[in-house]
Amino acid sequence: MGLVAQGGIDLFAVGGGALLAACGWLWLRHAGSTRLRPCWALLLDLFLPAGGFALLAAATARPLFAGAATAALAAGLAYADRAKLKVLAEPVVFTDVFQAFDILRHPRLALPFPRQGRLLCAVAAALGAFAVLFAAEPPAWRWNPWPPLAAAALDGAVILALGGGLRSRIARHLLRGGLRGDPATDVPRFGPLAVLLGYGIVAGHQRAGRQSAAPPPAPAVPLRRPAPAPLVLVQCESFFDARRLHPAIAPGLLPAYDRCRGGSVQWGRLEVPSWGANTVRTEFAVLSGLAGERLGFDRFNPYHRFAGVPVATLAWQLRAEGYRTICLHPFDRRFYGRDRVMPKLGFDRFIGLEGFAGAQRVNGYVADVEVARKAAQIVAAEGPAVFVFAITMENHGPWHAAEQTPQAGPPRGLTLPPGQARLLQPYLRSLRNADAMLQILAEALAGGGRPGMLAFYGDHLPAFGAAFAELGLRDLRTDYFIWSAARGGARRRDLAAHELRGAILEARAQLALRASPAGWEKVLQAG
């Protein structure tokens, strides 16, 4: 029997449920910090579990059930946090929460590294246990609609305050208290839930000012320009020159890449703002030319809110010159919200998976060579004044799910644990396919009346942390080049991702100045 207070409330059940919720919170907090200061950070860290427990208990009149559910949700978040830390060297951040629908639609992308079957079994078992607990626990008080309505109203009022006038005050406290935007230092100091909420609060507080500080889209250029040349920019999934991993990897792995790099305007290593995932960080940096610090806390996913207003990009620049701007991505057009973001980034047209019906697939994704053929078709159909931005998918993980071939072993002489060796082989195979894509694009851009330009880069390295550590790879930069059939004499110039936009425009202007000095001198003077 529980302790029943006046009014018929089982205080033992209420206390037990609250204890369960607190244990879940402490379990999650154990991943970060057990400090109890500063006080406001503690309150922020407590808000989600306390508010969730109160709302669920009020709605069900079953506090033990509510406490167990709250603890389970905290444990699930702790698991996700540790899994992301292990694979991507970053905990769960606030923008990850808003990608929940993307995760549900495409769990293979979001959950490639934990054992998915085991995870689904655990979720099913938890739901079954909750159903049993709900049925077994008697109501701790006579249920009526007013407690859940009051709890929902209170939670809603706090959420509205956090999104309204109170947000700026809390954001200033967070920043003065040392919230840096670096999860590695913030989570141990403030706690994981305080960071989860705090980053969202600070991002919302700073967003409008940072958006207004970003350059607006380029106005149309009224000057008469020389004959345009097509430009194809390829963001290649998980690409880097893997030959720097080990001498046993064949020197002839990437022949088309080597030819393009050797005959390029410039090439080099590219410092990217992500590791193993979070493609849009690199994508937005390259298109916009904005460094991560200029985005503030929105840098974790610029497409979540920051790119909701038009800012200057490579696409807007070329569109102002009269180019047709087309983005090509052989995947769900809603992923990362690209369907709403790409028009804001200056693209006239966005072609998603619907443009690749019947296309060849590798590892479950549209093959890179299919992307190259589609881009070549667009260049041929649209004429020289076209900019195509192609985002590939073939070499996205999980590589262990790739179909195996007779040559499934690692390169001879390269020793890795069996699990890592199985990952590397399909990855290298898709690097060869990316090289075949480059050959198709280079041939398409070399033909026609005006040779086009091809810019190519990797969005991030694959999440092969164990293999890279085994092989001693510490340089986590990807590779890039800017190529045109009209000019060779390549020079090496290592860049940060946000510097690539300027390098492409500079190389393009230099090539055009050679082709038509008088017309482009006016353009350069105007710019």
Protein backbone atom coordinates (compact mmCIF):
# COMPACT_ATOMS: atom_id res chain seq x y z
CA MET A 1 0.00 0.00 0.00
CA GLY A 2 1.21 3.43 -0.75
CA LEU A 3 1.10 6.48 1.48
CA VAL A 4 -2.19 8.22 0.64
CA ALA A 5 -2.39 11.95 1.28
CA GLN A 6 -5.51 13.95 1.91
CA GLY A 7 -7.33 14.21 -1.38
CA GLY A 8 -6.59 10.61 -2.33
CA ILE A 9 -3.09 11.03 -3.84
CA ASP A 10 -0.64 8.12 -3.48
CA LEU A 11 2.49 9.99 -2.36
CA PHE A 12 4.61 6.83 -2.46
CA ALA A 13 3.86 6.39 -6.15
CA VAL A 14 4.49 10.07 -6.84
CA GLY A 15 7.83 9.95 -5.01
CA GLY A 16 8.83 6.72 -6.72
CA GLY A 17 8.00 8.12 -10.15
CA ALA A 18 9.92 11.33 -9.45
CA LEU A 19 12.89 9.26 -8.27
CA LEU A 20 12.85 7.21 -11.47
CA ALA A 21 12.76 10.40 -13.58
CA ALA A 22 15.63 11.86 -11.53
CA CYS A 23 17.68 8.68 -12.01
CA GLY A 24 17.19 8.92 -15.76
CA TRP A 25 18.30 12.55 -15.71
CA LEU A 26 21.38 11.72 -13.61
CA TRP A 27 22.22 8.82 -15.93
CA LEU A 28 22.15 11.16 -18.91
CA ARG A 29 24.00 13.87 -17.03
CA HIS A 30 26.71 11.37 -16.13
CA ALA A 31 27.80 11.58 -19.79
CA GLY A 32 28.65 15.20 -19.15
CA SER A 33 28.83 16.74 -15.71
CA THR A 34 27.59 16.19 -12.17
CA ARG A 35 28.18 19.80 -11.15
CA LEU A 36 25.24 21.65 -9.64
CA ARG A 37 26.41 25.12 -10.73
CA PRO A 38 25.67 27.54 -12.20
CA CYS A 39 22.13 27.38 -10.85
CA TRP A 40 20.44 28.59 -14.06
CA ALA A 41 22.26 25.90 -16.05
CA LEU A 42 21.01 23.28 -13.60
CA LEU A 43 17.44 24.53 -13.98
CA LEU A 44 17.78 24.48 -17.76
CA ASP A 45 19.17 20.95 -17.63
CA LEU A 46 16.24 19.85 -15.43
CA PHE A 47 13.50 21.49 -17.49
CA LEU A 48 12.94 18.72 -20.04
CA PRO A 49 12.83 15.71 -17.67
CA ALA A 50 10.88 17.58 -14.97
CA GLY A 51 8.39 19.04 -17.44
CA GLY A 52 8.02 15.75 -19.28
CA PHE A 53 7.47 13.79 -16.06
CA ALA A 54 4.89 16.28 -14.76
CA LEU A 55 2.96 16.32 -18.03
CA LEU A 56 2.95 12.53 -18.43
CA ALA A 57 2.01 11.91 -14.80
CA ALA A 58 -0.81 14.44 -14.97
CA ALA A 59 -2.09 12.93 -18.22
CA THR A 60 -2.11 9.32 -16.99
CA ALA A 61 -2.47 9.60 -13.17
CA ARG A 62 0.28 6.95 -13.08
CA PRO A 63 3.48 8.56 -11.72
CA LEU A 64 5.52 5.33 -11.69
CA PHE A 65 4.72 4.83 -15.36
CA ALA A 66 5.57 8.49 -16.05
CA GLY A 67 8.87 8.22 -14.17
CA ALA A 68 9.84 5.01 -15.96
CA ALA A 69 8.99 6.54 -19.36
CA THR A 70 10.98 9.70 -18.57
CA ALA A 71 13.96 7.63 -17.43
CA ALA A 72 13.75 5.49 -20.58
CA LEU A 73 13.70 8.56 -22.82
CA ALA A 74 16.74 9.93 -20.98
CA ALA A 75 18.50 6.58 -21.37
CA GLY A 76 17.68 6.57 -25.10
CA LEU A 77 19.11 10.06 -25.49
CA ALA A 78 22.20 8.99 -23.54
CA TYR A 79 22.64 6.02 -25.90
CA ALA A 80 22.26 8.24 -28.98
CA ASP A 81 24.65 10.76 -27.47
CA ARG A 82 27.33 8.15 -26.81
CA ALA A 83 26.86 6.53 -30.23
CA LYS A 84 27.23 9.87 -32.01
CA LEU A 85 30.26 10.74 -29.89
CA LYS A 86 31.88 7.44 -30.74
CA VAL A 87 31.27 7.64 -34.49
CA LEU A 88 31.24 11.38 -35.24
CA ALA A 89 33.17 12.80 -32.25
CA GLU A 90 30.23 15.08 -31.41
CA PRO A 91 27.27 14.69 -29.01
CA VAL A 92 23.64 15.21 -29.95
CA VAL A 93 23.00 18.92 -30.60
CA PHE A 94 19.76 20.86 -30.88
CA THR A 95 19.49 20.64 -34.67
CA ASP A 96 19.55 16.83 -34.46
CA VAL A 97 16.19 16.95 -32.68
CA PHE A 98 14.59 18.76 -35.62
CA GLN A 99 15.84 16.06 -37.99
CA ALA A 100 13.68 13.45 -36.30
CA PHE A 101 11.36 13.15 -39.31
CA ASP A 102 14.34 12.70 -41.61
CA ILE A 103 15.58 9.95 -39.30
CA LEU A 104 12.22 8.19 -39.38
CA ARG A 105 12.03 8.43 -43.17
CA HIS A 106 15.62 7.30 -43.71
CA PRO A 107 16.89 5.38 -40.66
CA ARG A 108 19.69 3.83 -42.71
CA LEU A 109 21.28 7.25 -43.12
CA ALA A 110 20.81 8.41 -39.57
CA LEU A 111 21.48 5.09 -37.79
CA PRO A 112 24.05 3.29 -39.90
CA PHE A 113 26.52 2.61 -37.16
CA PRO A 114 24.62 1.24 -34.14
CA ARG A 115 23.27 -2.27 -34.65
CA GLN A 116 19.85 -1.40 -36.00
CA GLY A 117 18.23 -4.78 -35.30
CA ARG A 118 19.33 -4.68 -31.69
CA LEU A 119 18.07 -1.12 -31.37
CA LEU A 120 14.63 -2.00 -32.79
CA CYS A 121 14.35 -4.99 -30.46
CA ALA A 122 15.20 -2.79 -27.49
CA VAL A 123 12.55 -0.23 -28.49
CA ALA A 124 9.93 -2.98 -28.93
CA ALA A 125 10.80 -4.48 -25.55
CA ALA A 126 10.57 -1.09 -23.87
CA LEU A 127 7.16 -0.38 -25.39
CA GLY A 128 5.93 -3.78 -24.21
CA ALA A 129 7.25 -3.14 -20.71
CA PHE A 130 5.55 0.27 -20.61
CA ALA A 131 2.25 -1.27 -21.66
CA VAL A 132 2.50 -3.84 -18.87
CA LEU A 133 3.47 -1.18 -16.31
CA PHE A 134 0.62 1.09 -17.38
CA ALA A 135 -1.87 -1.75 -17.02
CA ALA A 136 -0.46 -2.94 -13.68
CA GLU A 137 -0.15 0.43 -11.94
CA PRO A 138 -3.39 1.66 -10.36
CA PRO A 139 -4.11 5.38 -10.72
CA ALA A 140 -2.44 7.38 -7.94
CA TRP A 141 -5.41 9.77 -7.82
CA ARG A 142 -8.82 10.11 -9.36
CA TRP A 143 -8.20 11.21 -12.92
CA ASN A 144 -9.78 14.37 -14.29
CA PRO A 145 -8.81 16.56 -17.25
CA TRP A 146 -7.66 19.61 -15.29
CA PRO A 147 -4.20 18.42 -14.09
CA PRO A 148 -2.97 17.46 -17.59
CA LEU A 149 -4.40 20.67 -19.05
CA ALA A 150 -2.69 22.71 -16.33
CA ALA A 151 0.64 20.88 -16.84
CA ALA A 152 0.43 21.32 -20.61
CA ALA A 153 -0.40 25.01 -20.19
CA LEU A 154 2.53 25.51 -17.82
CA ASP A 155 4.96 23.70 -20.14
CA GLY A 156 3.61 25.65 -23.10
CA ALA A 157 3.99 28.96 -21.27
CA VAL A 158 7.62 28.19 -20.44
CA ILE A 159 8.32 27.16 -24.06
CA LEU A 160 6.70 30.35 -25.36
CA ALA A 161 8.74 32.40 -22.90
CA LEU A 162 11.92 30.65 -24.03
CA GLY A 163 11.04 31.48 -27.63
CA GLY A 164 10.00 35.04 -26.88
CA GLY A 165 11.13 37.87 -24.64
CA LEU A 166 12.78 35.62 -22.06
CA ARG A 167 14.98 34.04 -24.73
CA SER A 168 17.28 37.03 -25.13
CA ARG A 169 17.80 37.34 -21.38
CA ILE A 170 18.61 33.64 -21.00
CA ALA A 171 20.86 33.72 -24.07
CA ARG A 172 22.87 36.59 -22.61
CA HIS A 173 23.19 34.69 -19.31
CA LEU A 174 24.36 31.61 -21.18
CA LEU A 175 26.96 33.51 -23.15
CA ARG A 176 28.19 35.42 -20.12
CA GLY A 177 28.33 32.13 -18.23
CA GLY A 178 30.75 30.71 -20.76
CA LEU A 179 28.63 28.80 -23.27
CA ARG A 180 31.05 28.64 -26.21
CA GLY A 181 29.29 26.64 -28.91
CA ASP A 182 31.85 23.85 -28.57
CA PRO A 183 30.06 20.72 -27.30
CA ALA A 184 33.31 19.16 -26.12
CA THR A 185 33.73 21.90 -23.50
CA ASP A 186 30.12 22.95 -22.94
CA VAL A 187 28.56 19.55 -22.14
CA PRO A 188 30.97 18.72 -19.28
CA ARG A 189 30.41 22.17 -17.80
CA PHE A 190 26.65 22.67 -18.13
CA GLY A 191 25.16 19.24 -18.77
CA PRO A 192 23.78 17.68 -21.97
CA LEU A 193 20.18 18.90 -21.75
CA ALA A 194 21.21 22.43 -20.79
CA VAL A 195 23.44 22.46 -23.87
CA LEU A 196 20.69 20.99 -26.03
CA LEU A 197 18.28 23.74 -25.01
CA GLY A 198 20.91 26.44 -24.60
CA TYR A 199 22.25 26.10 -28.13
CA GLY A 200 18.75 26.45 -29.54
CA ILE A 201 18.05 29.51 -27.38
CA VAL A 202 21.31 31.26 -28.30
CA ALA A 203 20.94 30.37 -31.99
CA GLY A 204 17.46 31.88 -32.06
CA HIS A 205 18.67 34.97 -30.21
CA GLN A 206 21.56 35.62 -32.61
CA ARG A 207 20.03 34.43 -35.89
CA ALA A 208 18.40 37.60 -37.21
CA GLY A 209 21.52 39.67 -36.57
CA ARG A 210 23.82 37.15 -38.21
CA GLN A 211 21.50 36.78 -41.20
CA SER A 212 21.39 40.54 -41.72
CA ALA A 213 25.21 40.68 -41.49
CA ALA A 214 25.58 38.10 -44.27
CA PRO A 215 25.95 39.56 -47.78
CA PRO A 216 22.67 39.65 -49.73
CA PRO A 217 22.30 37.94 -53.12
CA ALA A 218 24.19 39.61 -55.96
CA PRO A 219 22.17 42.04 -58.09
CA ALA A 220 21.90 41.44 -61.83
CA VAL A 221 24.97 42.68 -63.72
CA PRO A 222 23.94 44.93 -66.60
CA LEU A 223 27.36 44.84 -68.27
CA ARG A 224 27.78 42.94 -71.50
CA ARG A 225 29.77 39.87 -70.71
CA PRO A 226 31.87 37.64 -72.91
CA ALA A 227 30.50 34.31 -74.09
CA PRO A 228 29.69 32.26 -70.98
CA ALA A 229 31.10 28.84 -70.16
CA PRO A 230 29.29 26.08 -68.23
CA LEU A 231 30.33 25.38 -64.66
CA VAL A 232 29.78 22.06 -62.88
CA LEU A 233 30.49 21.86 -59.16
CA VAL A 234 30.51 18.36 -57.62
CA GLN A 235 30.22 17.67 -53.91
CA CYS A 236 31.34 14.04 -53.73
CA GLU A 237 30.11 12.01 -50.79
CA SER A 238 32.89 11.00 -48.35
CA PHE A 239 35.61 11.60 -50.96
CA PHE A 240 39.28 11.97 -50.19
CA ASP A 241 42.37 10.65 -51.90
CA ALA A 242 42.58 7.37 -49.99
CA ARG A 243 46.05 6.65 -51.35
CA ARG A 244 47.43 8.71 -48.51
CA LEU A 245 46.13 6.04 -46.13
CA HIS A 246 48.74 3.42 -47.04
CA PRO A 247 51.27 2.66 -49.82
CA ALA A 248 49.47 -0.64 -50.49
CA ILE A 249 46.49 1.22 -51.99
CA ALA A 250 47.06 1.19 -55.74
CA PRO A 251 48.68 4.37 -57.13
CA GLY A 252 46.40 4.04 -60.16
CA LEU A 253 43.22 4.09 -58.06
CA LEU A 254 42.01 7.45 -59.45
CA PRO A 255 43.31 8.03 -62.99
CA ALA A 256 40.70 10.59 -64.08
CA TYR A 257 41.11 12.47 -60.80
CA ASP A 258 44.87 12.55 -61.34
CA ARG A 259 44.47 13.90 -64.89
CA CYS A 260 42.03 16.59 -63.81
CA ARG A 261 44.16 17.59 -60.84
CA GLY A 262 47.33 17.66 -62.96
CA GLY A 263 45.66 19.86 -65.59
CA SER A 264 43.72 22.00 -63.14
CA VAL A 265 43.87 25.69 -62.33
CA GLN A 266 44.50 24.75 -58.71
CA TRP A 267 44.08 21.86 -56.31
CA GLY A 268 44.79 20.97 -52.73
CA ARG A 269 43.46 19.79 -49.40
CA LEU A 270 40.14 21.16 -48.15
CA GLU A 271 39.54 21.80 -44.46
CA VAL A 272 35.89 20.90 -43.88
CA PRO A 273 33.66 21.65 -40.86
CA SER A 274 32.42 18.10 -40.32
CA TRP A 275 33.64 14.58 -39.84
CA GLY A 276 31.84 11.47 -41.06
CA ALA A 277 28.45 13.17 -41.57
CA ASN A 278 26.67 16.56 -41.45
CA THR A 279 27.23 17.18 -45.14
CA VAL A 280 25.31 20.46 -45.22
CA ARG A 281 27.94 22.20 -43.09
CA THR A 282 30.47 21.84 -45.89
CA GLU A 283 27.82 22.33 -48.57
CA PHE A 284 26.66 25.68 -47.21
CA ALA A 285 30.23 26.85 -46.53
CA VAL A 286 31.25 26.19 -50.15
CA LEU A 287 28.15 27.79 -51.68
CA SER A 288 28.00 30.82 -49.39
CA GLY A 289 31.65 31.47 -48.59
CA LEU A 290 30.65 31.97 -44.94
CA ALA A 291 32.92 30.57 -42.25
CA GLY A 292 31.32 28.69 -39.36
CA GLU A 293 31.91 31.48 -36.84
CA ARG A 294 29.75 33.80 -38.93
CA LEU A 295 26.80 31.46 -38.46
CA GLY A 296 27.13 31.23 -34.69
CA PHE A 297 25.30 28.28 -33.15
CA ASP A 298 23.46 27.72 -36.46
CA ARG A 299 26.64 26.25 -37.91
CA PHE A 300 25.60 22.79 -36.70
CA ASN A 301 22.96 22.76 -39.45
CA PRO A 302 22.72 25.96 -41.51
CA TYR A 303 19.71 24.59 -43.39
CA HIS A 304 17.63 24.32 -40.22
CA ARG A 305 16.92 28.06 -39.95
CA PHE A 306 19.86 30.22 -41.05
CA ALA A 307 19.38 29.56 -44.78
CA GLY A 308 15.70 30.44 -44.48
CA VAL A 309 16.49 33.85 -45.97
CA PRO A 310 18.44 34.43 -49.20
CA VAL A 311 22.15 35.08 -48.70
CA ALA A 312 24.85 35.57 -51.30
CA THR A 313 25.97 32.28 -52.82
CA LEU A 314 27.81 31.04 -55.87
CA ALA A 315 24.44 30.23 -57.43
CA TRP A 316 23.10 33.76 -56.87
CA GLN A 317 26.31 35.22 -58.33
CA LEU A 318 26.01 33.19 -61.52
CA ARG A 319 22.27 33.71 -61.73
CA ALA A 320 22.90 37.46 -61.67
CA GLU A 321 25.12 36.97 -64.71
CA GLY A 322 22.29 35.28 -66.58
CA TYR A 323 23.16 31.67 -65.84
CA ARG A 324 20.58 28.94 -65.36
CA THR A 325 21.31 27.43 -61.94
CA ILE A 326 20.40 23.80 -61.26
CA CYS A 327 21.01 21.62 -58.20
CA LEU A 328 21.17 17.87 -58.73
CA HIS A 329 20.86 15.46 -55.79
CA PRO A 330 19.81 11.81 -56.31
CA PHE A 331 18.02 11.44 -53.00
CA ASP A 332 14.86 12.47 -51.14
CA ARG A 333 14.54 16.17 -51.92
CA ARG A 334 13.11 16.80 -48.41
CA PHE A 335 16.21 15.53 -46.61
CA TYR A 336 17.84 18.38 -44.67
CA GLY A 337 14.99 20.54 -46.00
CA ARG A 338 16.82 21.04 -49.29
CA ASP A 339 13.51 21.34 -51.14
CA ARG A 340 12.82 24.64 -49.34
CA VAL A 341 16.44 25.79 -48.95
CA MET A 342 17.80 25.42 -52.49
CA PRO A 343 15.60 28.15 -53.99
CA LYS A 344 16.78 30.48 -51.18
CA LEU A 345 20.38 29.65 -52.15
CA GLY A 346 19.78 30.83 -55.71
CA PHE A 347 18.89 27.69 -57.64
CA ASP A 348 16.30 27.97 -60.40
CA ARG A 349 15.65 24.24 -60.30
CA PHE A 350 16.26 21.41 -57.85
CA ILE A 351 16.23 17.85 -59.18
CA GLY A 352 15.97 15.15 -56.53
CA LEU A 353 15.51 11.41 -56.65
CA GLU A 354 12.50 11.82 -58.95
CA GLY A 355 14.92 12.68 -61.76
CA PHE A 356 16.67 9.28 -61.56
CA ALA A 357 13.92 6.76 -62.23
CA GLY A 358 15.44 3.42 -63.22
CA ALA A 359 18.99 4.59 -62.52
CA GLN A 360 21.75 2.15 -61.59
CA ARG A 361 22.34 1.87 -57.85
CA VAL A 362 25.38 0.97 -55.78
CA ASN A 363 25.08 0.24 -52.06
CA GLY A 364 21.42 1.23 -52.31
CA TYR A 365 22.14 4.72 -53.66
CA VAL A 366 22.08 6.17 -57.18
CA ALA A 367 25.48 5.53 -58.77
CA ASP A 368 27.86 8.44 -59.30
CA VAL A 369 28.12 7.73 -63.03
CA GLU A 370 24.35 8.25 -63.30
CA VAL A 371 24.75 11.68 -61.69
CA ALA A 372 27.51 12.50 -64.19
CA ARG A 373 25.34 11.47 -67.15
CA LYS A 374 22.45 13.59 -65.89
CA ALA A 375 24.74 16.60 -65.39
CA ALA A 376 26.20 16.15 -68.88
CA GLN A 377 22.68 16.00 -70.34
CA ILE A 378 21.75 19.24 -68.57
CA VAL A 379 24.87 21.02 -69.87
CA ALA A 380 24.12 19.86 -73.41
CA ALA A 381 20.45 20.88 -73.17
CA GLU A 382 20.84 24.22 -71.39
CA GLY A 383 23.77 25.61 -73.37
CA PRO A 384 26.90 27.31 -72.06
CA ALA A 385 25.23 29.63 -69.51
CA VAL A 386 24.46 26.91 -66.99
CA PHE A 387 25.68 26.13 -63.48
CA VAL A 388 25.10 22.59 -62.19
CA PHE A 389 25.73 21.77 -58.54
CA ALA A 390 25.76 17.97 -58.14
CA ILE A 391 25.59 16.35 -54.69
CA THR A 392 26.43 12.64 -54.92
CA MET A 393 25.27 9.81 -52.66
CA GLU A 394 26.92 6.56 -53.78
CA ASN A 395 29.70 6.49 -51.21
CA HIS A 396 27.47 7.16 -48.22
CA GLY A 397 27.63 4.59 -45.45
CA PRO A 398 26.93 2.09 -44.07
CA TRP A 399 29.57 0.40 -46.21
CA HIS A 400 29.20 -2.94 -44.40
CA ALA A 401 25.81 -3.22 -46.12
CA ALA A 402 27.37 -2.97 -49.59
CA GLU A 403 27.21 -6.03 -51.77
CA GLN A 404 30.49 -7.91 -51.69
CA THR A 405 32.52 -8.77 -54.76
CA PRO A 406 35.12 -11.47 -55.41
CA GLN A 407 37.77 -8.82 -54.68
CA ALA A 408 36.28 -8.17 -51.26
CA GLY A 409 39.54 -8.23 -49.34
CA PRO A 410 41.66 -5.18 -48.51
CA PRO A 411 44.60 -4.26 -50.78
CA ARG A 412 47.46 -6.75 -50.49
CA GLY A 413 49.93 -5.61 -47.86
CA LEU A 414 47.41 -3.53 -45.92
CA THR A 415 46.64 -5.10 -42.55
CA LEU A 416 43.47 -4.12 -40.73
CA PRO A 417 41.08 -5.85 -38.32
CA PRO A 418 38.54 -7.88 -40.35
CA GLY A 419 35.62 -5.54 -39.64
CA GLN A 420 37.54 -2.48 -40.80
CA ALA A 421 38.84 -4.29 -43.88
CA ARG A 422 35.26 -5.10 -44.93
CA LEU A 423 34.39 -1.42 -44.70
CA LEU A 424 37.36 -0.25 -46.73
CA GLN A 425 36.84 -2.46 -49.78
CA PRO A 426 33.39 -1.18 -50.84
CA TYR A 427 34.53 2.36 -50.04
CA LEU A 428 37.50 2.04 -52.43
CA ARG A 429 35.22 0.54 -55.06
CA SER A 430 32.99 3.61 -54.94
CA LEU A 431 36.04 5.88 -55.14
CA ARG A 432 36.76 4.21 -58.49
CA ASN A 433 33.17 4.91 -59.51
CA ALA A 434 33.58 8.55 -58.51
CA ASP A 435 36.64 8.61 -60.74
CA ALA A 436 34.53 7.27 -63.64
CA MET A 437 32.09 10.12 -62.93
CA LEU A 438 34.92 12.64 -63.31
CA GLN A 439 35.90 11.15 -66.65
CA ILE A 440 32.34 11.59 -67.98
CA LEU A 441 32.11 15.17 -66.74
CA ALA A 442 35.53 16.19 -68.04
CA GLU A 443 34.72 14.86 -71.51
CA ALA A 444 31.35 16.66 -71.52
CA LEU A 445 32.88 19.97 -70.47
CA ALA A 446 35.85 19.74 -72.83
CA GLY A 447 33.56 19.60 -75.89
CA GLY A 448 31.41 22.37 -77.33
CA GLY A 449 32.31 25.85 -78.42
CA ARG A 450 33.53 27.10 -75.03
CA PRO A 451 35.28 24.65 -72.68
CA GLY A 452 33.57 24.51 -69.32
CA MET A 453 34.91 24.40 -65.78
CA LEU A 454 34.69 21.51 -63.33
CA ALA A 455 35.16 22.05 -59.59
CA PHE A 456 35.21 18.98 -57.37
CA TYR A 457 35.57 18.36 -53.63
CA GLY A 458 34.80 15.87 -50.87
CA ASP A 459 32.24 16.88 -48.25
CA HIS A 460 33.94 15.04 -45.38
CA LEU A 461 35.99 11.93 -44.67
CA PRO A 462 34.19 8.63 -44.09
CA ALA A 463 33.63 7.71 -40.45
CA PHE A 464 36.42 5.14 -40.36
CA GLY A 465 37.82 6.29 -37.05
CA ALA A 466 39.23 2.90 -36.03
CA ALA A 467 40.82 2.23 -39.43
CA PHE A 468 42.30 5.72 -39.62
CA ALA A 469 43.74 5.38 -36.13
CA GLU A 470 45.18 1.96 -37.04
CA LEU A 471 46.83 3.42 -40.15
CA GLY A 472 47.99 6.61 -38.45
CA LEU A 473 45.93 9.06 -40.53
CA ARG A 474 45.63 12.36 -38.68
CA ASP A 475 44.97 14.77 -41.55
CA LEU A 476 41.17 14.91 -41.70
CA ARG A 477 40.97 17.26 -44.68
CA THR A 478 39.36 16.18 -47.93
CA ASP A 479 40.63 17.04 -51.44
CA TYR A 480 39.50 19.42 -54.18
CA PHE A 481 40.46 20.73 -57.60
CA ILE A 482 39.27 23.41 -60.05
CA TRP A 483 39.75 22.24 -63.63
CA SER A 484 39.17 23.58 -67.12
CA ALA A 485 40.20 22.12 -70.46
CA ALA A 486 41.28 25.64 -71.43
CA ARG A 487 44.15 25.83 -68.96
CA GLY A 488 46.65 23.66 -67.12
CA GLY A 489 49.63 24.64 -64.98
CA ALA A 490 48.10 23.44 -61.73
CA ARG A 491 49.22 24.94 -58.45
CA ARG A 492 48.61 23.55 -55.00
CA ARG A 493 46.69 25.79 -52.64
CA ASP A 494 45.14 24.33 -49.50
CA LEU A 495 41.85 25.98 -48.52
CA ALA A 496 39.11 26.01 -45.92
CA ALA A 497 35.72 25.00 -47.30
CA HIS A 498 34.33 28.54 -47.16
CA GLU A 499 37.25 29.78 -49.29
CA LEU A 500 36.44 27.50 -52.22
CA ARG A 501 33.64 29.73 -53.55
CA GLY A 502 36.04 32.65 -53.93
CA ALA A 503 38.68 30.41 -55.50
CA ILE A 504 36.18 29.18 -58.12
CA LEU A 505 35.11 32.73 -59.01
CA GLU A 506 38.74 33.87 -59.17
CA ALA A 507 39.76 30.97 -61.43
CA ARG A 508 36.74 31.54 -63.63
CA ALA A 509 37.53 35.24 -64.01
CA GLN A 510 41.14 34.50 -64.91
CA LEU A 511 40.13 32.00 -67.58
CA ALA A 512 37.53 34.38 -69.00
CA LEU A 513 40.02 37.26 -68.99
CA ARG A 514 42.31 35.17 -71.16
CA ALA A 515 39.46 34.41 -73.53
CA SER A 516 38.12 37.97 -73.77
CA PRO A 517 40.36 40.51 -71.99
CA ALA A 518 38.41 43.66 -72.83
CA GLY A 519 35.00 42.38 -71.73
CA TRP A 520 36.25 40.90 -68.48
CA GLU A 521 38.36 43.88 -67.50
CA LYS A 522 35.09 45.82 -67.24
CA VAL A 523 33.54 43.03 -65.21
CA LEU A 524 36.48 42.86 -62.81
CA GLN A 525 36.51 46.63 -62.39
CA ALA A 526 32.77 46.60 -61.67
CA GLY A 527 33.22 43.85 -59.09
